[in-house]
Each structure stands twice: as structure tokens, then as C-alpha cells.
Amino acid sequence: MRLSGLQKILWVLAGVAALVFGWLLLWSDYRADRAQTEYEPPFVAEFELTDHQGMTRTEGDFAGRWMLVFFGFANCPDVCPTTLAEVAAVMDGLGDEAEKVQPIFITIDPERDTPAALADFVPRFDAGIVGLTGTPEQIAETSETFPIFYERIEDASAPDGYTMGHTSHLFLFDPEAGFADSWPYGTPAEEILADLRERI
């Protein structure tokens, strides 16, 4: 049976409508996934590590306080000291509200960053930062929990012949240890401070 010109047009329109409907369904699923990724806390801070005074610490030790968490290493030539200097500026800017926030530095280089090494490193920033380290296995487990990326990079010009590549975001967790926000490397202390003040 041959189709008339009108029937052909109707079939084409029906096909186009089906394609548009399918595309809209896929787009709505994509938007839902993006919304969930961007706006719902995807994880909580969980760790059991040793601080720079040799004490075992978990996220429970900081319950009721906001946590500013940064992953790095003491031999870092630029990103880590710059970020911790920004954290120090934020803590200073908080004034009396600083007691509501605990800055935490977690090493991704446990081979060199012993408690003693961190005890020499974190007080330089004069911000009450708690330095945390552990066994390589503990650090790996913690990195998966948060989650963050890090890797050892062989470099003959670096101390001990290697450096570390790692996620350079500064993370914020709420008083229940739920993820609240993060800022990329280079975010000015003033911007972080303004965001924090709105929350606490």
C-alpha cells in the first residue's frame, strides 16, 4: 500500500517527535545527575590518623566544628605553603568565630611526613592547624574516602629524588563532618572567608 503525501509527512513528524521526546528524557536524567553531583553532599570526612603530636585522631574529635581540610606534603615548594598561608589568613579574619573552625592538613607523603616532620611544618603558619599522617595504607584509605588523587613523581632535583602530585582543592566540612564546599587552588582568602562567614 502506497502512502499519500500527507501520510508521509505525518510519519516523519511522528518520528521527529519520538526523537525529541527521547532526547528530553536523556537531558532530564543528565540534569538530575548534575544536580545531585553539584548540590548534594557526596561524602563525609572519615579518617583515623596520627597528628603532629603523636595522638590518634578521627573526624569525631572535631565534631561540632567546621573543618577546613587540605591534602599536601611538607616538601611541597609552592601549592601547599601558599594554600596553608591562605588558610591562616582565613582563620585570622574569622576573629572570635575562629574557634568554630578547625584547619587540618593531611599529608599524602607519609614516607617523609612523620609526626615530627609535621610538628616542624604546620606551626609555621600560626593558625592552629592540625597535621595528620599515618601509614601508606592509612593515607591511601583516607584518599579514597574523601576522595582525592595523589601520586609520587620521580624528580632528581627534588628532596630525596621525588615530589608529589595531588588534588589541590581546599575542602570544607560541616559540624557533622558532611562535605559542604571546596575551593580550587588560588582562591583568595577573602573569598573563602566570605563563604565561611555566610555558613557559620
C-alpha atoms as a PDB file:
ATOM      1  CA  MET A   1       0.000   0.000   0.000  1.00  0.00           C
ATOM      2  CA  ARG A   2       1.416   3.347  -1.036  1.00  0.00           C
ATOM      3  CA  LEU A   3       1.330   6.229   1.415  1.00  0.00           C
ATOM      4  CA  SER A   4      -0.105   9.569   0.425  1.00  0.00           C
ATOM      5  CA  GLY A   5       1.988  12.717   0.749  1.00  0.00           C
ATOM      6  CA  LEU A   6       0.080  13.735   3.886  1.00  0.00           C
ATOM      7  CA  GLN A   7       0.630  10.328   5.493  1.00  0.00           C
ATOM      8  CA  LYS A   8       4.359  10.513   4.789  1.00  0.00           C
ATOM      9  CA  ILE A   9       4.548  13.946   6.414  1.00  0.00           C
ATOM     10  CA  LEU A  10       2.648  12.668   9.448  1.00  0.00           C
ATOM     11  CA  TRP A  11       5.014   9.681   9.809  1.00  0.00           C
ATOM     12  CA  VAL A  12       8.047  11.969   9.582  1.00  0.00           C
ATOM     13  CA  LEU A  13       6.575  14.300  12.200  1.00  0.00           C
ATOM     14  CA  ALA A  14       5.834  11.349  14.468  1.00  0.00           C
ATOM     15  CA  GLY A  15       9.440  10.154  14.128  1.00  0.00           C
ATOM     16  CA  VAL A  16      10.801  13.609  14.910  1.00  0.00           C
ATOM     17  CA  ALA A  17       8.517  13.876  17.951  1.00  0.00           C
ATOM     18  CA  ALA A  18       9.770  10.494  19.227  1.00  0.00           C
ATOM     19  CA  LEU A  19      13.392  11.608  18.843  1.00  0.00           C
ATOM     20  CA  VAL A  20      12.717  14.879  20.656  1.00  0.00           C
ATOM     21  CA  PHE A  21      10.920  13.047  23.462  1.00  0.00           C
ATOM     22  CA  GLY A  22      13.838  10.622  23.856  1.00  0.00           C
ATOM     23  CA  TRP A  23      16.328  13.489  23.903  1.00  0.00           C
ATOM     24  CA  LEU A  24      14.309  15.307  26.573  1.00  0.00           C
ATOM     25  CA  LEU A  25      14.286  12.180  28.745  1.00  0.00           C
ATOM     26  CA  LEU A  26      18.063  11.807  28.447  1.00  0.00           C
ATOM     27  CA  TRP A  27      18.589  15.529  29.146  1.00  0.00           C
ATOM     28  CA  SER A  28      16.431  15.424  32.267  1.00  0.00           C
ATOM     29  CA  ASP A  29      18.412  12.430  33.554  1.00  0.00           C
ATOM     30  CA  TYR A  30      21.647  14.303  32.848  1.00  0.00           C
ATOM     31  CA  ARG A  31      20.420  17.418  34.671  1.00  0.00           C
ATOM     32  CA  ALA A  32      19.329  15.317  37.641  1.00  0.00           C
ATOM     33  CA  ASP A  33      22.741  13.680  37.806  1.00  0.00           C
ATOM     34  CA  ARG A  34      24.464  17.076  37.610  1.00  0.00           C
ATOM     35  CA  ALA A  35      22.216  18.480  40.345  1.00  0.00           C
ATOM     36  CA  GLN A  36      22.952  15.548  42.606  1.00  0.00           C
ATOM     37  CA  THR A  37      26.693  15.845  41.968  1.00  0.00           C
ATOM     38  CA  GLU A  38      26.828  19.603  42.446  1.00  0.00           C
ATOM     39  CA  TYR A  39      24.444  20.240  45.297  1.00  0.00           C
ATOM     40  CA  GLU A  40      24.108  17.155  47.470  1.00  0.00           C
ATOM     41  CA  PRO A  41      26.921  16.346  49.902  1.00  0.00           C
ATOM     42  CA  PRO A  42      28.507  13.301  48.242  1.00  0.00           C
ATOM     43  CA  PHE A  43      30.609  12.145  51.173  1.00  0.00           C
ATOM     44  CA  VAL A  44      31.592  12.639  54.782  1.00  0.00           C
ATOM     45  CA  ALA A  45      35.044  13.100  56.250  1.00  0.00           C
ATOM     46  CA  GLU A  46      36.272   9.805  57.703  1.00  0.00           C
ATOM     47  CA  PHE A  47      39.793   9.170  58.904  1.00  0.00           C
ATOM     48  CA  GLU A  48      41.886   7.623  61.656  1.00  0.00           C
ATOM     49  CA  LEU A  49      45.363   9.128  61.539  1.00  0.00           C
ATOM     50  CA  THR A  50      48.170  10.345  63.791  1.00  0.00           C
ATOM     51  CA  ASP A  51      48.509  14.056  64.489  1.00  0.00           C
ATOM     52  CA  HIS A  52      51.733  16.041  64.677  1.00  0.00           C
ATOM     53  CA  GLN A  53      51.845  15.489  68.447  1.00  0.00           C
ATOM     54  CA  GLY A  54      51.650  11.699  68.102  1.00  0.00           C
ATOM     55  CA  MET A  55      47.979  11.338  69.074  1.00  0.00           C
ATOM     56  CA  THR A  56      45.452   9.255  67.129  1.00  0.00           C
ATOM     57  CA  ARG A  57      42.740  11.459  65.658  1.00  0.00           C
ATOM     58  CA  THR A  58      39.440  10.775  63.921  1.00  0.00           C
ATOM     59  CA  GLU A  59      36.773  13.046  62.484  1.00  0.00           C
ATOM     60  CA  GLY A  60      34.880  12.560  65.760  1.00  0.00           C
ATOM     61  CA  ASP A  61      37.497  14.605  67.600  1.00  0.00           C
ATOM     62  CA  PHE A  62      36.307  17.661  65.691  1.00  0.00           C
ATOM     63  CA  ALA A  63      32.555  17.078  65.973  1.00  0.00           C
ATOM     64  CA  GLY A  64      30.646  20.322  66.302  1.00  0.00           C
ATOM     65  CA  ARG A  65      33.249  22.321  64.420  1.00  0.00           C
ATOM     66  CA  TRP A  66      33.647  23.138  60.752  1.00  0.00           C
ATOM     67  CA  MET A  67      36.715  21.500  59.236  1.00  0.00           C
ATOM     68  CA  LEU A  68      38.941  23.090  56.597  1.00  0.00           C
ATOM     69  CA  VAL A  69      40.876  20.155  55.135  1.00  0.00           C
ATOM     70  CA  PHE A  70      43.816  20.297  52.754  1.00  0.00           C
ATOM     71  CA  PHE A  71      45.891  17.408  51.401  1.00  0.00           C
ATOM     72  CA  GLY A  72      49.546  18.055  50.648  1.00  0.00           C
ATOM     73  CA  PHE A  73      53.115  17.417  51.776  1.00  0.00           C
ATOM     74  CA  ALA A  74      55.717  19.324  53.757  1.00  0.00           C
ATOM     75  CA  ASN A  75      58.314  19.354  50.963  1.00  0.00           C
ATOM     76  CA  CYS A  76      55.857  20.978  48.557  1.00  0.00           C
ATOM     77  CA  PRO A  77      57.568  24.020  47.033  1.00  0.00           C
ATOM     78  CA  ASP A  78      54.549  26.171  46.239  1.00  0.00           C
ATOM     79  CA  VAL A  79      50.933  24.944  46.260  1.00  0.00           C
ATOM     80  CA  CYS A  80      50.869  23.641  49.837  1.00  0.00           C
ATOM     81  CA  PRO A  81      52.540  26.552  51.632  1.00  0.00           C
ATOM     82  CA  THR A  82      50.533  29.024  49.571  1.00  0.00           C
ATOM     83  CA  THR A  83      47.248  27.314  50.444  1.00  0.00           C
ATOM     84  CA  LEU A  84      48.124  26.997  54.129  1.00  0.00           C
ATOM     85  CA  ALA A  85      49.056  30.684  54.172  1.00  0.00           C
ATOM     86  CA  GLU A  86      45.572  31.410  52.775  1.00  0.00           C
ATOM     87  CA  VAL A  87      44.068  29.195  55.475  1.00  0.00           C
ATOM     88  CA  ALA A  88      45.997  31.158  58.090  1.00  0.00           C
ATOM     89  CA  ALA A  89      44.635  34.408  56.649  1.00  0.00           C
ATOM     90  CA  VAL A  90      41.097  32.989  56.775  1.00  0.00           C
ATOM     91  CA  MET A  91      41.492  31.906  60.388  1.00  0.00           C
ATOM     92  CA  ASP A  92      42.845  35.332  61.319  1.00  0.00           C
ATOM     93  CA  GLY A  93      39.962  37.017  59.502  1.00  0.00           C
ATOM     94  CA  LEU A  94      37.374  34.962  61.390  1.00  0.00           C
ATOM     95  CA  GLY A  95      38.345  36.630  64.657  1.00  0.00           C
ATOM     96  CA  ASP A  96      36.247  35.327  67.561  1.00  0.00           C
ATOM     97  CA  GLU A  97      34.500  32.858  65.232  1.00  0.00           C
ATOM     98  CA  ALA A  98      37.771  31.055  64.511  1.00  0.00           C
ATOM     99  CA  GLU A  99      37.013  28.666  67.383  1.00  0.00           C
ATOM    100  CA  LYS A 100      34.178  27.249  65.258  1.00  0.00           C
ATOM    101  CA  VAL A 101      36.616  26.115  62.556  1.00  0.00           C
ATOM    102  CA  GLN A 102      39.420  23.555  62.673  1.00  0.00           C
ATOM    103  CA  PRO A 103      42.015  23.658  59.878  1.00  0.00           C
ATOM    104  CA  ILE A 104      43.515  20.234  59.096  1.00  0.00           C
ATOM    105  CA  PHE A 105      46.492  19.315  56.920  1.00  0.00           C
ATOM    106  CA  ILE A 106      46.635  15.663  55.800  1.00  0.00           C
ATOM    107  CA  THR A 107      49.881  14.513  54.217  1.00  0.00           C
ATOM    108  CA  ILE A 108      49.972  12.426  51.072  1.00  0.00           C
ATOM    109  CA  ASP A 109      53.679  11.750  51.675  1.00  0.00           C
ATOM    110  CA  PRO A 110      53.780   9.609  54.834  1.00  0.00           C
ATOM    111  CA  GLU A 111      57.258   8.314  53.991  1.00  0.00           C
ATOM    112  CA  ARG A 112      58.776  11.708  54.811  1.00  0.00           C
ATOM    113  CA  ASP A 113      55.974  13.431  56.737  1.00  0.00           C
ATOM    114  CA  THR A 114      56.299  11.776  60.124  1.00  0.00           C
ATOM    115  CA  PRO A 115      54.623  13.351  63.168  1.00  0.00           C
ATOM    116  CA  ALA A 116      57.954  15.014  63.971  1.00  0.00           C
ATOM    117  CA  ALA A 117      58.243  16.464  60.457  1.00  0.00           C
ATOM    118  CA  LEU A 118      54.691  17.811  60.625  1.00  0.00           C
ATOM    119  CA  ALA A 119      55.379  19.205  64.103  1.00  0.00           C
ATOM    120  CA  ASP A 120      58.071  21.321  62.477  1.00  0.00           C
ATOM    121  CA  PHE A 121      55.946  22.237  59.436  1.00  0.00           C
ATOM    122  CA  VAL A 122      52.383  23.135  60.447  1.00  0.00           C
ATOM    123  CA  PRO A 123      53.171  25.542  63.337  1.00  0.00           C
ATOM    124  CA  ARG A 124      54.959  27.806  60.844  1.00  0.00           C
ATOM    125  CA  PHE A 125      51.565  29.034  59.690  1.00  0.00           C
ATOM    126  CA  ASP A 126      50.413  30.026  63.185  1.00  0.00           C
ATOM    127  CA  ALA A 127      46.784  29.049  62.550  1.00  0.00           C
ATOM    128  CA  GLY A 128      46.153  26.135  64.902  1.00  0.00           C
ATOM    129  CA  ILE A 129      46.438  23.691  62.014  1.00  0.00           C
ATOM    130  CA  VAL A 130      46.379  20.015  62.970  1.00  0.00           C
ATOM    131  CA  GLY A 131      48.796  17.984  60.848  1.00  0.00           C
ATOM    132  CA  LEU A 132      47.834  14.353  60.214  1.00  0.00           C
ATOM    133  CA  THR A 133      49.880  11.440  58.916  1.00  0.00           C
ATOM    134  CA  GLY A 134      49.766   7.642  59.033  1.00  0.00           C
ATOM    135  CA  THR A 135      50.933   4.519  57.306  1.00  0.00           C
ATOM    136  CA  PRO A 136      50.875   4.455  53.494  1.00  0.00           C
ATOM    137  CA  GLU A 137      47.845   2.174  53.761  1.00  0.00           C
ATOM    138  CA  GLN A 138      46.006   4.615  56.041  1.00  0.00           C
ATOM    139  CA  ILE A 139      46.725   7.533  53.736  1.00  0.00           C
ATOM    140  CA  ALA A 140      45.552   5.527  50.713  1.00  0.00           C
ATOM    141  CA  GLU A 141      42.335   4.594  52.507  1.00  0.00           C
ATOM    142  CA  THR A 142      41.739   8.195  53.549  1.00  0.00           C
ATOM    143  CA  SER A 143      42.313   9.426  49.994  1.00  0.00           C
ATOM    144  CA  GLU A 144      39.640   7.054  48.713  1.00  0.00           C
ATOM    145  CA  THR A 145      37.175   8.161  51.368  1.00  0.00           C
ATOM    146  CA  PHE A 146      37.386  11.860  50.570  1.00  0.00           C
ATOM    147  CA  PRO A 147      38.182  11.173  47.585  1.00  0.00           C
ATOM    148  CA  ILE A 148      41.376  12.846  46.356  1.00  0.00           C
ATOM    149  CA  PHE A 149      44.123  11.989  43.887  1.00  0.00           C
ATOM    150  CA  TYR A 150      47.834  11.797  44.587  1.00  0.00           C
ATOM    151  CA  GLU A 151      50.912  10.193  43.071  1.00  0.00           C
ATOM    152  CA  ARG A 152      54.640  10.017  43.568  1.00  0.00           C
ATOM    153  CA  ILE A 153      56.668  11.682  40.801  1.00  0.00           C
ATOM    154  CA  GLU A 154      60.339  10.893  40.412  1.00  0.00           C
ATOM    155  CA  ASP A 155      62.345  14.122  40.221  1.00  0.00           C
ATOM    156  CA  ALA A 156      66.113  14.117  40.654  1.00  0.00           C
ATOM    157  CA  SER A 157      66.112  17.817  41.569  1.00  0.00           C
ATOM    158  CA  ALA A 158      63.593  17.394  44.427  1.00  0.00           C
ATOM    159  CA  PRO A 159      64.466  16.410  48.022  1.00  0.00           C
ATOM    160  CA  ASP A 160      65.075  12.648  48.212  1.00  0.00           C
ATOM    161  CA  GLY A 161      64.654  12.435  44.450  1.00  0.00           C
ATOM    162  CA  TYR A 162      60.884  12.712  44.243  1.00  0.00           C
ATOM    163  CA  THR A 163      57.947  15.055  44.598  1.00  0.00           C
ATOM    164  CA  MET A 164      54.176  14.520  44.833  1.00  0.00           C
ATOM    165  CA  GLY A 165      51.303  15.377  42.534  1.00  0.00           C
ATOM    166  CA  HIS A 166      47.944  15.770  44.284  1.00  0.00           C
ATOM    167  CA  THR A 167      44.494  17.296  44.406  1.00  0.00           C
ATOM    168  CA  SER A 168      44.940  20.927  45.393  1.00  0.00           C
ATOM    169  CA  HIS A 169      41.394  21.817  46.496  1.00  0.00           C
ATOM    170  CA  LEU A 170      40.664  23.092  49.984  1.00  0.00           C
ATOM    171  CA  PHE A 171      37.681  21.186  51.420  1.00  0.00           C
ATOM    172  CA  LEU A 172      35.069  22.410  53.893  1.00  0.00           C
ATOM    173  CA  PHE A 173      33.085  20.013  56.090  1.00  0.00           C
ATOM    174  CA  ASP A 174      30.169  20.951  58.311  1.00  0.00           C
ATOM    175  CA  PRO A 175      29.959  20.253  62.077  1.00  0.00           C
ATOM    176  CA  GLU A 176      28.583  16.752  61.299  1.00  0.00           C
ATOM    177  CA  ALA A 177      31.585  16.031  59.026  1.00  0.00           C
ATOM    178  CA  GLY A 178      29.488  16.249  55.859  1.00  0.00           C
ATOM    179  CA  PHE A 179      31.004  17.772  52.736  1.00  0.00           C
ATOM    180  CA  ALA A 180      29.914  21.394  52.414  1.00  0.00           C
ATOM    181  CA  ASP A 181      32.118  23.030  49.780  1.00  0.00           C
ATOM    182  CA  SER A 182      35.557  23.163  48.185  1.00  0.00           C
ATOM    183  CA  TRP A 183      37.735  25.829  46.644  1.00  0.00           C
ATOM    184  CA  PRO A 184      40.335  25.326  43.912  1.00  0.00           C
ATOM    185  CA  TYR A 185      43.946  26.312  44.366  1.00  0.00           C
ATOM    186  CA  GLY A 186      44.410  30.043  44.037  1.00  0.00           C
ATOM    187  CA  THR A 187      41.064  31.049  45.545  1.00  0.00           C
ATOM    188  CA  PRO A 188      41.733  34.259  47.513  1.00  0.00           C
ATOM    189  CA  ALA A 189      41.440  34.098  51.296  1.00  0.00           C
ATOM    190  CA  GLU A 190      38.871  36.912  51.129  1.00  0.00           C
ATOM    191  CA  GLU A 191      36.530  34.777  49.021  1.00  0.00           C
ATOM    192  CA  ILE A 192      36.895  31.741  51.290  1.00  0.00           C
ATOM    193  CA  LEU A 193      36.352  33.929  54.349  1.00  0.00           C
ATOM    194  CA  ALA A 194      33.178  35.442  52.889  1.00  0.00           C
ATOM    195  CA  ASP A 195      31.792  31.974  52.089  1.00  0.00           C
ATOM    196  CA  LEU A 196      32.624  30.727  55.589  1.00  0.00           C
ATOM    197  CA  ARG A 197      31.010  33.690  57.332  1.00  0.00           C
ATOM    198  CA  GLU A 198      27.746  33.010  55.493  1.00  0.00           C
ATOM    199  CA  ARG A 199      27.757  29.461  56.820  1.00  0.00           C
ATOM    200  CA  ILE A 200      28.894  29.753  60.428  1.00  0.00           C
END
